[in-house]
Amino acid sequence: MDSDVLALARWLLNLSRGRTSKELGFVEPNLSFECLEVGPESARVRVWFELEARPSWAPHDGAGMQDLWLDLELSSASLTQAAQELRAELDEIQSR
């Protein structure tokens, strides 16, 4: 899990700088992220929900359905802040 959080923090930081790989997935397929568009000031990100991450009104039959998502328009500053907060939380957890 630590490596997933670190990978997400790095991905968000790269987005804030206007560059990234298109998708970010994890070993546990509950959430995945896709960069739809990236620019110098913002990025548009799609968050896919699978398995236990799906709301009760959208039950799942298995992973890979890719029929439930949320699109977000995020500023570069918000992406940087999210990356920093994820790393800080991870550091705090690891220091316990």
PDB file of N, CA and C in Angstrom:
ATOM      1  N   MET A   1       0.809  -1.188   0.000  1.00  0.00           N
ATOM      2  CA  MET A   1       0.000   0.000   0.000  1.00  0.00           C
ATOM      3  C   MET A   1       0.856   1.258   0.000  1.00  0.00           C
ATOM      4  N   ASP A   2       1.950   1.252   0.759  1.00  0.00           N
ATOM      5  CA  ASP A   2       2.821   2.422   0.800  1.00  0.00           C
ATOM      6  C   ASP A   2       3.305   2.791  -0.596  1.00  0.00           C
ATOM      7  N   SER A   3       3.652   1.776  -1.385  1.00  0.00           N
ATOM      8  CA  SER A   3       4.150   2.057  -2.730  1.00  0.00           C
ATOM      9  C   SER A   3       3.046   2.622  -3.619  1.00  0.00           C
ATOM     10  N   ASP A   4       1.791   2.221  -3.379  1.00  0.00           N
ATOM     11  CA  ASP A   4       0.669   2.782  -4.142  1.00  0.00           C
ATOM     12  C   ASP A   4       0.469   4.259  -3.813  1.00  0.00           C
ATOM     13  N   VAL A   5       0.549   4.602  -2.536  1.00  0.00           N
ATOM     14  CA  VAL A   5       0.383   5.997  -2.125  1.00  0.00           C
ATOM     15  C   VAL A   5       1.516   6.841  -2.693  1.00  0.00           C
ATOM     16  N   LEU A   6       2.729   6.336  -2.623  1.00  0.00           N
ATOM     17  CA  LEU A   6       3.871   7.055  -3.171  1.00  0.00           C
ATOM     18  C   LEU A   6       3.744   7.215  -4.685  1.00  0.00           C
ATOM     19  N   ALA A   7       3.280   6.178  -5.365  1.00  0.00           N
ATOM     20  CA  ALA A   7       3.090   6.253  -6.817  1.00  0.00           C
ATOM     21  C   ALA A   7       2.033   7.299  -7.163  1.00  0.00           C
ATOM     22  N   LEU A   8       0.943   7.355  -6.380  1.00  0.00           N
ATOM     23  CA  LEU A   8      -0.092   8.356  -6.623  1.00  0.00           C
ATOM     24  C   LEU A   8       0.451   9.763  -6.381  1.00  0.00           C
ATOM     25  N   ALA A   9       1.208   9.948  -5.320  1.00  0.00           N
ATOM     26  CA  ALA A   9       1.804  11.262  -5.034  1.00  0.00           C
ATOM     27  C   ALA A   9       2.723  11.696  -6.171  1.00  0.00           C
ATOM     28  N   ARG A  10       3.548  10.802  -6.656  1.00  0.00           N
ATOM     29  CA  ARG A  10       4.441  11.129  -7.783  1.00  0.00           C
ATOM     30  C   ARG A  10       3.647  11.461  -9.042  1.00  0.00           C
ATOM     31  N   TRP A  11       2.617  10.687  -9.313  1.00  0.00           N
ATOM     32  CA  TRP A  11       1.788  10.899 -10.498  1.00  0.00           C
ATOM     33  C   TRP A  11       1.130  12.268 -10.441  1.00  0.00           C
ATOM     34  N   LEU A  12       0.565  12.627  -9.273  1.00  0.00           N
ATOM     35  CA  LEU A  12      -0.064  13.928  -9.111  1.00  0.00           C
ATOM     36  C   LEU A  12       0.940  15.067  -9.268  1.00  0.00           C
ATOM     37  N   LEU A  13       2.126  14.883  -8.707  1.00  0.00           N
ATOM     38  CA  LEU A  13       3.162  15.909  -8.826  1.00  0.00           C
ATOM     39  C   LEU A  13       3.579  16.090 -10.281  1.00  0.00           C
ATOM     40  N   ASN A  14       3.722  15.000 -11.007  1.00  0.00           N
ATOM     41  CA  ASN A  14       4.045  15.099 -12.439  1.00  0.00           C
ATOM     42  C   ASN A  14       2.936  15.819 -13.200  1.00  0.00           C
ATOM     43  N   LEU A  15       1.690  15.526 -12.866  1.00  0.00           N
ATOM     44  CA  LEU A  15       0.570  16.227 -13.493  1.00  0.00           C
ATOM     45  C   LEU A  15       0.660  17.729 -13.235  1.00  0.00           C
ATOM     46  N   SER A  16       1.008  18.097 -12.006  1.00  0.00           N
ATOM     47  CA  SER A  16       1.092  19.519 -11.656  1.00  0.00           C
ATOM     48  C   SER A  16       2.157  20.230 -12.465  1.00  0.00           C
ATOM     49  N   ARG A  17       3.119  19.476 -12.962  1.00  0.00           N
ATOM     50  CA  ARG A  17       4.210  20.035 -13.762  1.00  0.00           C
ATOM     51  C   ARG A  17       3.949  19.908 -15.261  1.00  0.00           C
ATOM     52  N   GLY A  18       2.737  19.457 -15.614  1.00  0.00           N
ATOM     53  CA  GLY A  18       2.354  19.377 -17.014  1.00  0.00           C
ATOM     54  C   GLY A  18       2.795  18.121 -17.731  1.00  0.00           C
ATOM     55  N   ARG A  19       3.201  17.108 -16.980  1.00  0.00           N
ATOM     56  CA  ARG A  19       3.615  15.856 -17.629  1.00  0.00           C
ATOM     57  C   ARG A  19       3.134  14.662 -16.798  1.00  0.00           C
ATOM     58  N   THR A  20       2.895  13.573 -17.476  1.00  0.00           N
ATOM     59  CA  THR A  20       2.488  12.360 -16.769  1.00  0.00           C
ATOM     60  C   THR A  20       2.365  11.200 -17.741  1.00  0.00           C
ATOM     61  N   SER A  21       2.278  10.025 -17.163  1.00  0.00           N
ATOM     62  CA  SER A  21       1.839   8.878 -17.958  1.00  0.00           C
ATOM     63  C   SER A  21       0.318   8.945 -17.967  1.00  0.00           C
ATOM     64  N   LYS A  22      -0.297   8.344 -18.924  1.00  0.00           N
ATOM     65  CA  LYS A  22      -1.746   8.484 -19.104  1.00  0.00           C
ATOM     66  C   LYS A  22      -2.554   7.870 -17.970  1.00  0.00           C
ATOM     67  N   GLU A  23      -2.169   6.697 -17.496  1.00  0.00           N
ATOM     68  CA  GLU A  23      -2.973   5.991 -16.502  1.00  0.00           C
ATOM     69  C   GLU A  23      -2.147   5.594 -15.297  1.00  0.00           C
ATOM     70  N   LEU A  24      -2.839   5.427 -14.174  1.00  0.00           N
ATOM     71  CA  LEU A  24      -2.219   4.925 -12.960  1.00  0.00           C
ATOM     72  C   LEU A  24      -3.174   3.924 -12.339  1.00  0.00           C
ATOM     73  N   GLY A  25      -2.722   2.702 -12.235  1.00  0.00           N
ATOM     74  CA  GLY A  25      -3.527   1.649 -11.612  1.00  0.00           C
ATOM     75  C   GLY A  25      -2.736   1.010 -10.486  1.00  0.00           C
ATOM     76  N   PHE A  26      -3.395   0.189  -9.715  1.00  0.00           N
ATOM     77  CA  PHE A  26      -2.772  -0.436  -8.558  1.00  0.00           C
ATOM     78  C   PHE A  26      -3.027  -1.934  -8.570  1.00  0.00           C
ATOM     79  N   VAL A  27      -2.320  -2.653  -7.696  1.00  0.00           N
ATOM     80  CA  VAL A  27      -2.506  -4.097  -7.588  1.00  0.00           C
ATOM     81  C   VAL A  27      -3.953  -4.389  -7.216  1.00  0.00           C
ATOM     82  N   GLU A  28      -4.468  -3.660  -6.219  1.00  0.00           N
ATOM     83  CA  GLU A  28      -5.888  -3.759  -5.869  1.00  0.00           C
ATOM     84  C   GLU A  28      -6.640  -2.836  -6.818  1.00  0.00           C
ATOM     85  N   PRO A  29      -7.528  -3.365  -7.631  1.00  0.00           N
ATOM     86  CA  PRO A  29      -8.135  -2.566  -8.702  1.00  0.00           C
ATOM     87  C   PRO A  29      -9.336  -1.716  -8.284  1.00  0.00           C
ATOM     88  N   ASN A  30      -9.447  -1.347  -7.003  1.00  0.00           N
ATOM     89  CA  ASN A  30     -10.615  -0.585  -6.562  1.00  0.00           C
ATOM     90  C   ASN A  30     -10.661   0.813  -7.161  1.00  0.00           C
ATOM     91  N   LEU A  31      -9.528   1.451  -7.288  1.00  0.00           N
ATOM     92  CA  LEU A  31      -9.432   2.783  -7.877  1.00  0.00           C
ATOM     93  C   LEU A  31      -8.358   2.779  -8.948  1.00  0.00           C
ATOM     94  N   SER A  32      -8.597   3.519  -9.997  1.00  0.00           N
ATOM     95  CA  SER A  32      -7.546   3.794 -10.974  1.00  0.00           C
ATOM     96  C   SER A  32      -7.754   5.213 -11.463  1.00  0.00           C
ATOM     97  N   PHE A  33      -6.697   5.783 -11.986  1.00  0.00           N
ATOM     98  CA  PHE A  33      -6.702   7.185 -12.392  1.00  0.00           C
ATOM     99  C   PHE A  33      -6.253   7.283 -13.839  1.00  0.00           C
ATOM    100  N   GLU A  34      -6.868   8.203 -14.565  1.00  0.00           N
ATOM    101  CA  GLU A  34      -6.519   8.415 -15.965  1.00  0.00           C
ATOM    102  C   GLU A  34      -6.425   9.918 -16.212  1.00  0.00           C
ATOM    103  N   CYS A  35      -5.344  10.324 -16.844  1.00  0.00           N
ATOM    104  CA  CYS A  35      -5.192  11.717 -17.225  1.00  0.00           C
ATOM    105  C   CYS A  35      -5.864  11.908 -18.578  1.00  0.00           C
ATOM    106  N   LEU A  36      -6.895  12.728 -18.602  1.00  0.00           N
ATOM    107  CA  LEU A  36      -7.610  12.996 -19.847  1.00  0.00           C
ATOM    108  C   LEU A  36      -6.974  14.147 -20.614  1.00  0.00           C
ATOM    109  N   GLU A  37      -6.436  15.109 -19.858  1.00  0.00           N
ATOM    110  CA  GLU A  37      -5.842  16.293 -20.473  1.00  0.00           C
ATOM    111  C   GLU A  37      -4.928  16.948 -19.447  1.00  0.00           C
ATOM    112  N   VAL A  38      -3.765  17.403 -19.888  1.00  0.00           N
ATOM    113  CA  VAL A  38      -2.850  18.095 -18.978  1.00  0.00           C
ATOM    114  C   VAL A  38      -2.327  19.343 -19.668  1.00  0.00           C
ATOM    115  N   GLY A  39      -2.247  20.415 -18.902  1.00  0.00           N
ATOM    116  CA  GLY A  39      -1.742  21.674 -19.430  1.00  0.00           C
ATOM    117  C   GLY A  39      -0.858  22.339 -18.396  1.00  0.00           C
ATOM    118  N   PRO A  40      -0.403  23.539 -18.672  1.00  0.00           N
ATOM    119  CA  PRO A  40       0.513  24.215 -17.753  1.00  0.00           C
ATOM    120  C   PRO A  40      -0.163  24.679 -16.455  1.00  0.00           C
ATOM    121  N   GLU A  41      -1.470  24.888 -16.473  1.00  0.00           N
ATOM    122  CA  GLU A  41      -2.172  25.422 -15.304  1.00  0.00           C
ATOM    123  C   GLU A  41      -3.104  24.430 -14.624  1.00  0.00           C
ATOM    124  N   SER A  42      -3.475  23.358 -15.327  1.00  0.00           N
ATOM    125  CA  SER A  42      -4.448  22.420 -14.761  1.00  0.00           C
ATOM    126  C   SER A  42      -4.384  21.082 -15.487  1.00  0.00           C
ATOM    127  N   ALA A  43      -5.127  20.131 -14.935  1.00  0.00           N
ATOM    128  CA  ALA A  43      -5.245  18.809 -15.559  1.00  0.00           C
ATOM    129  C   ALA A  43      -6.663  18.306 -15.336  1.00  0.00           C
ATOM    130  N   ARG A  44      -7.115  17.519 -16.275  1.00  0.00           N
ATOM    131  CA  ARG A  44      -8.420  16.854 -16.149  1.00  0.00           C
ATOM    132  C   ARG A  44      -8.142  15.380 -15.919  1.00  0.00           C
ATOM    133  N   VAL A  45      -8.650  14.876 -14.799  1.00  0.00           N
ATOM    134  CA  VAL A  45      -8.367  13.512 -14.348  1.00  0.00           C
ATOM    135  C   VAL A  45      -9.677  12.744 -14.211  1.00  0.00           C
ATOM    136  N   ARG A  46      -9.658  11.508 -14.642  1.00  0.00           N
ATOM    137  CA  ARG A  46     -10.808  10.615 -14.452  1.00  0.00           C
ATOM    138  C   ARG A  46     -10.419   9.584 -13.393  1.00  0.00           C
ATOM    139  N   VAL A  47     -11.290   9.434 -12.401  1.00  0.00           N
ATOM    140  CA  VAL A  47     -11.099   8.436 -11.343  1.00  0.00           C
ATOM    141  C   VAL A  47     -12.115   7.331 -11.573  1.00  0.00           C
ATOM    142  N   TRP A  48     -11.617   6.116 -11.756  1.00  0.00           N
ATOM    143  CA  TRP A  48     -12.472   4.945 -11.983  1.00  0.00           C
ATOM    144  C   TRP A  48     -12.706   4.228 -10.656  1.00  0.00           C
ATOM    145  N   PHE A  49     -13.940   3.803 -10.414  1.00  0.00           N
ATOM    146  CA  PHE A  49     -14.316   3.101  -9.192  1.00  0.00           C
ATOM    147  C   PHE A  49     -14.686   1.660  -9.539  1.00  0.00           C
ATOM    148  N   GLU A  50     -14.057   0.731  -8.845  1.00  0.00           N
ATOM    149  CA  GLU A  50     -14.324  -0.693  -9.054  1.00  0.00           C
ATOM    150  C   GLU A  50     -14.512  -1.391  -7.706  1.00  0.00           C
ATOM    151  N   LEU A  51     -15.063  -2.571  -7.761  1.00  0.00           N
ATOM    152  CA  LEU A  51     -15.227  -3.454  -6.607  1.00  0.00           C
ATOM    153  C   LEU A  51     -15.764  -2.726  -5.390  1.00  0.00           C
ATOM    154  N   GLU A  52     -15.067  -2.784  -4.232  1.00  0.00           N
ATOM    155  CA  GLU A  52     -15.584  -2.197  -2.997  1.00  0.00           C
ATOM    156  C   GLU A  52     -15.649  -0.672  -3.020  1.00  0.00           C
ATOM    157  N   ALA A  53     -14.979  -0.038  -3.944  1.00  0.00           N
ATOM    158  CA  ALA A  53     -15.013   1.422  -4.033  1.00  0.00           C
ATOM    159  C   ALA A  53     -16.298   1.923  -4.705  1.00  0.00           C
ATOM    160  N   ARG A  54     -17.045   1.026  -5.274  1.00  0.00           N
ATOM    161  CA  ARG A  54     -18.298   1.419  -5.933  1.00  0.00           C
ATOM    162  C   ARG A  54     -19.367   1.690  -4.874  1.00  0.00           C
ATOM    163  N   PRO A  55     -20.236   2.675  -5.109  1.00  0.00           N
ATOM    164  CA  PRO A  55     -21.329   2.930  -4.164  1.00  0.00           C
ATOM    165  C   PRO A  55     -22.347   1.789  -4.192  1.00  0.00           C
ATOM    166  N   SER A  56     -23.136   1.710  -3.149  1.00  0.00           N
ATOM    167  CA  SER A  56     -24.096   0.603  -3.033  1.00  0.00           C
ATOM    168  C   SER A  56     -25.135   0.602  -4.157  1.00  0.00           C
ATOM    169  N   TRP A  57     -25.418   1.766  -4.748  1.00  0.00           N
ATOM    170  CA  TRP A  57     -26.400   1.834  -5.831  1.00  0.00           C
ATOM    171  C   TRP A  57     -25.831   1.387  -7.180  1.00  0.00           C
ATOM    172  N   ALA A  58     -24.523   1.065  -7.210  1.00  0.00           N
ATOM    173  CA  ALA A  58     -23.893   0.601  -8.452  1.00  0.00           C
ATOM    174  C   ALA A  58     -23.090  -0.669  -8.170  1.00  0.00           C
ATOM    175  N   PRO A  59     -23.769  -1.783  -7.886  1.00  0.00           N
ATOM    176  CA  PRO A  59     -23.059  -3.016  -7.531  1.00  0.00           C
ATOM    177  C   PRO A  59     -22.147  -3.499  -8.664  1.00  0.00           C
ATOM    178  N   HIS A  60     -21.200  -4.322  -8.278  1.00  0.00           N
ATOM    179  CA  HIS A  60     -20.222  -4.820  -9.246  1.00  0.00           C
ATOM    180  C   HIS A  60     -20.362  -6.323  -9.450  1.00  0.00           C
ATOM    181  N   ASP A  61     -20.021  -6.763 -10.642  1.00  0.00           N
ATOM    182  CA  ASP A  61     -19.964  -8.192 -10.938  1.00  0.00           C
ATOM    183  C   ASP A  61     -18.522  -8.665 -11.010  1.00  0.00           C
ATOM    184  N   GLY A  62     -17.589  -7.738 -11.001  1.00  0.00           N
ATOM    185  CA  GLY A  62     -16.167  -8.058 -11.076  1.00  0.00           C
ATOM    186  C   GLY A  62     -15.390  -6.825 -11.472  1.00  0.00           C
ATOM    187  N   ALA A  63     -14.081  -6.927 -11.399  1.00  0.00           N
ATOM    188  CA  ALA A  63     -13.222  -5.802 -11.772  1.00  0.00           C
ATOM    189  C   ALA A  63     -13.237  -5.612 -13.281  1.00  0.00           C
ATOM    190  N   GLY A  64     -12.878  -4.418 -13.691  1.00  0.00           N
ATOM    191  CA  GLY A  64     -12.746  -4.148 -15.117  1.00  0.00           C
ATOM    192  C   GLY A  64     -14.013  -3.722 -15.813  1.00  0.00           C
ATOM    193  N   MET A  65     -15.052  -3.396 -15.066  1.00  0.00           N
ATOM    194  CA  MET A  65     -16.299  -2.988 -15.704  1.00  0.00           C
ATOM    195  C   MET A  65     -16.159  -1.611 -16.364  1.00  0.00           C
ATOM    196  N   GLN A  66     -15.384  -0.747 -15.770  1.00  0.00           N
ATOM    197  CA  GLN A  66     -15.134   0.610 -16.267  1.00  0.00           C
ATOM    198  C   GLN A  66     -16.406   1.301 -16.746  1.00  0.00           C
ATOM    199  N   ASP A  67     -17.373   1.349 -15.844  1.00  0.00           N
ATOM    200  CA  ASP A  67     -18.619   2.028 -16.165  1.00  0.00           C
ATOM    201  C   ASP A  67     -19.005   3.053 -15.109  1.00  0.00           C
ATOM    202  N   LEU A  68     -18.112   3.279 -14.137  1.00  0.00           N
ATOM    203  CA  LEU A  68     -18.390   4.241 -13.082  1.00  0.00           C
ATOM    204  C   LEU A  68     -17.142   5.083 -12.847  1.00  0.00           C
ATOM    205  N   TRP A  69     -17.254   6.392 -13.114  1.00  0.00           N
ATOM    206  CA  TRP A  69     -16.104   7.265 -12.984  1.00  0.00           C
ATOM    207  C   TRP A  69     -16.532   8.663 -12.587  1.00  0.00           C
ATOM    208  N   LEU A  70     -15.539   9.455 -12.203  1.00  0.00           N
ATOM    209  CA  LEU A  70     -15.731  10.855 -11.857  1.00  0.00           C
ATOM    210  C   LEU A  70     -14.620  11.639 -12.538  1.00  0.00           C
ATOM    211  N   ASP A  71     -14.973  12.679 -13.279  1.00  0.00           N
ATOM    212  CA  ASP A  71     -13.986  13.540 -13.925  1.00  0.00           C
ATOM    213  C   ASP A  71     -13.751  14.767 -13.051  1.00  0.00           C
ATOM    214  N   LEU A  72     -12.488  15.114 -12.873  1.00  0.00           N
ATOM    215  CA  LEU A  72     -12.107  16.258 -12.047  1.00  0.00           C
ATOM    216  C   LEU A  72     -11.215  17.195 -12.841  1.00  0.00           C
ATOM    217  N   GLU A  73     -11.454  18.492 -12.728  1.00  0.00           N
ATOM    218  CA  GLU A  73     -10.576  19.519 -13.277  1.00  0.00           C
ATOM    219  C   GLU A  73      -9.795  20.067 -12.084  1.00  0.00           C
ATOM    220  N   LEU A  74      -8.480  19.863 -12.092  1.00  0.00           N
ATOM    221  CA  LEU A  74      -7.652  20.212 -10.949  1.00  0.00           C
ATOM    222  C   LEU A  74      -6.573  21.202 -11.347  1.00  0.00           C
ATOM    223  N   SER A  75      -6.396  22.239 -10.542  1.00  0.00           N
ATOM    224  CA  SER A  75      -5.346  23.214 -10.815  1.00  0.00           C
ATOM    225  C   SER A  75      -3.988  22.607 -10.467  1.00  0.00           C
ATOM    226  N   SER A  76      -2.949  23.173 -11.037  1.00  0.00           N
ATOM    227  CA  SER A  76      -1.596  22.709 -10.734  1.00  0.00           C
ATOM    228  C   SER A  76      -1.293  22.853  -9.249  1.00  0.00           C
ATOM    229  N   ALA A  77      -1.760  23.947  -8.649  1.00  0.00           N
ATOM    230  CA  ALA A  77      -1.532  24.160  -7.217  1.00  0.00           C
ATOM    231  C   ALA A  77      -2.235  23.085  -6.388  1.00  0.00           C
ATOM    232  N   SER A  78      -3.461  22.719  -6.760  1.00  0.00           N
ATOM    233  CA  SER A  78      -4.197  21.672  -6.041  1.00  0.00           C
ATOM    234  C   SER A  78      -3.510  20.319  -6.175  1.00  0.00           C
ATOM    235  N   LEU A  79      -3.004  20.033  -7.364  1.00  0.00           N
ATOM    236  CA  LEU A  79      -2.295  18.770  -7.586  1.00  0.00           C
ATOM    237  C   LEU A  79      -1.028  18.702  -6.739  1.00  0.00           C
ATOM    238  N   THR A  80      -0.279  19.803  -6.693  1.00  0.00           N
ATOM    239  CA  THR A  80       0.941  19.858  -5.882  1.00  0.00           C
ATOM    240  C   THR A  80       0.604  19.668  -4.414  1.00  0.00           C
ATOM    241  N   GLN A  81      -0.426  20.354  -3.945  1.00  0.00           N
ATOM    242  CA  GLN A  81      -0.838  20.246  -2.553  1.00  0.00           C
ATOM    243  C   GLN A  81      -1.271  18.816  -2.217  1.00  0.00           C
ATOM    244  N   ALA A  82      -2.041  18.186  -3.092  1.00  0.00           N
ATOM    245  CA  ALA A  82      -2.485  16.804  -2.859  1.00  0.00           C
ATOM    246  C   ALA A  82      -1.289  15.865  -2.773  1.00  0.00           C
ATOM    247  N   ALA A  83      -0.321  16.031  -3.666  1.00  0.00           N
ATOM    248  CA  ALA A  83       0.877  15.188  -3.654  1.00  0.00           C
ATOM    249  C   ALA A  83       1.647  15.375  -2.346  1.00  0.00           C
ATOM    250  N   GLN A  84       1.808  16.615  -1.912  1.00  0.00           N
ATOM    251  CA  GLN A  84       2.533  16.894  -0.675  1.00  0.00           C
ATOM    252  C   GLN A  84       1.807  16.326   0.541  1.00  0.00           C
ATOM    253  N   GLU A  85       0.489  16.450   0.561  1.00  0.00           N
ATOM    254  CA  GLU A  85      -0.286  15.927   1.684  1.00  0.00           C
ATOM    255  C   GLU A  85      -0.253  14.404   1.734  1.00  0.00           C
ATOM    256  N   LEU A  86      -0.295  13.757   0.584  1.00  0.00           N
ATOM    257  CA  LEU A  86      -0.180  12.292   0.560  1.00  0.00           C
ATOM    258  C   LEU A  86       1.173  11.850   1.109  1.00  0.00           C
ATOM    259  N   ARG A  87       2.236  12.510   0.679  1.00  0.00           N
ATOM    260  CA  ARG A  87       3.577  12.154   1.186  1.00  0.00           C
ATOM    261  C   ARG A  87       3.688  12.409   2.680  1.00  0.00           C
ATOM    262  N   ALA A  88       3.124  13.521   3.170  1.00  0.00           N
ATOM    263  CA  ALA A  88       3.169  13.820   4.600  1.00  0.00           C
ATOM    264  C   ALA A  88       2.413  12.759   5.398  1.00  0.00           C
ATOM    265  N   GLU A  89       1.244  12.360   4.919  1.00  0.00           N
ATOM    266  CA  GLU A  89       0.468  11.313   5.592  1.00  0.00           C
ATOM    267  C   GLU A  89       1.230   9.989   5.609  1.00  0.00           C
ATOM    268  N   LEU A  90       1.849   9.665   4.492  1.00  0.00           N
ATOM    269  CA  LEU A  90       2.627   8.431   4.411  1.00  0.00           C
ATOM    270  C   LEU A  90       3.810   8.480   5.377  1.00  0.00           C
ATOM    271  N   ASP A  91       4.504   9.607   5.433  1.00  0.00           N
ATOM    272  CA  ASP A  91       5.626   9.767   6.360  1.00  0.00           C
ATOM    273  C   ASP A  91       5.163   9.598   7.804  1.00  0.00           C
ATOM    274  N   GLU A  92       4.009  10.176   8.128  1.00  0.00           N
ATOM    275  CA  GLU A  92       3.481  10.073   9.479  1.00  0.00           C
ATOM    276  C   GLU A  92       3.148   8.630   9.838  1.00  0.00           C
ATOM    277  N   ILE A  93       2.509   7.931   8.934  1.00  0.00           N
ATOM    278  CA  ILE A  93       2.158   6.526   9.168  1.00  0.00           C
ATOM    279  C   ILE A  93       3.413   5.674   9.346  1.00  0.00           C
ATOM    280  N   GLN A  94       4.403   5.909   8.512  1.00  0.00           N
ATOM    281  CA  GLN A  94       5.632   5.116   8.568  1.00  0.00           C
ATOM    282  C   GLN A  94       6.441   5.397   9.823  1.00  0.00           C
ATOM    283  N   SER A  95       6.282   6.585  10.412  1.00  0.00           N
ATOM    284  CA  SER A  95       7.062   6.921  11.613  1.00  0.00           C
ATOM    285  C   SER A  95       6.449   6.355  12.883  1.00  0.00           C
ATOM    286  N   ARG A  96       5.250   5.798  12.806  1.00  0.00           N
ATOM    287  CA  ARG A  96       4.591   5.220  14.002  1.00  0.00           C
ATOM    288  C   ARG A  96       5.191   3.910  14.401  1.00  0.00           C
TER     289      ARG A  96
END
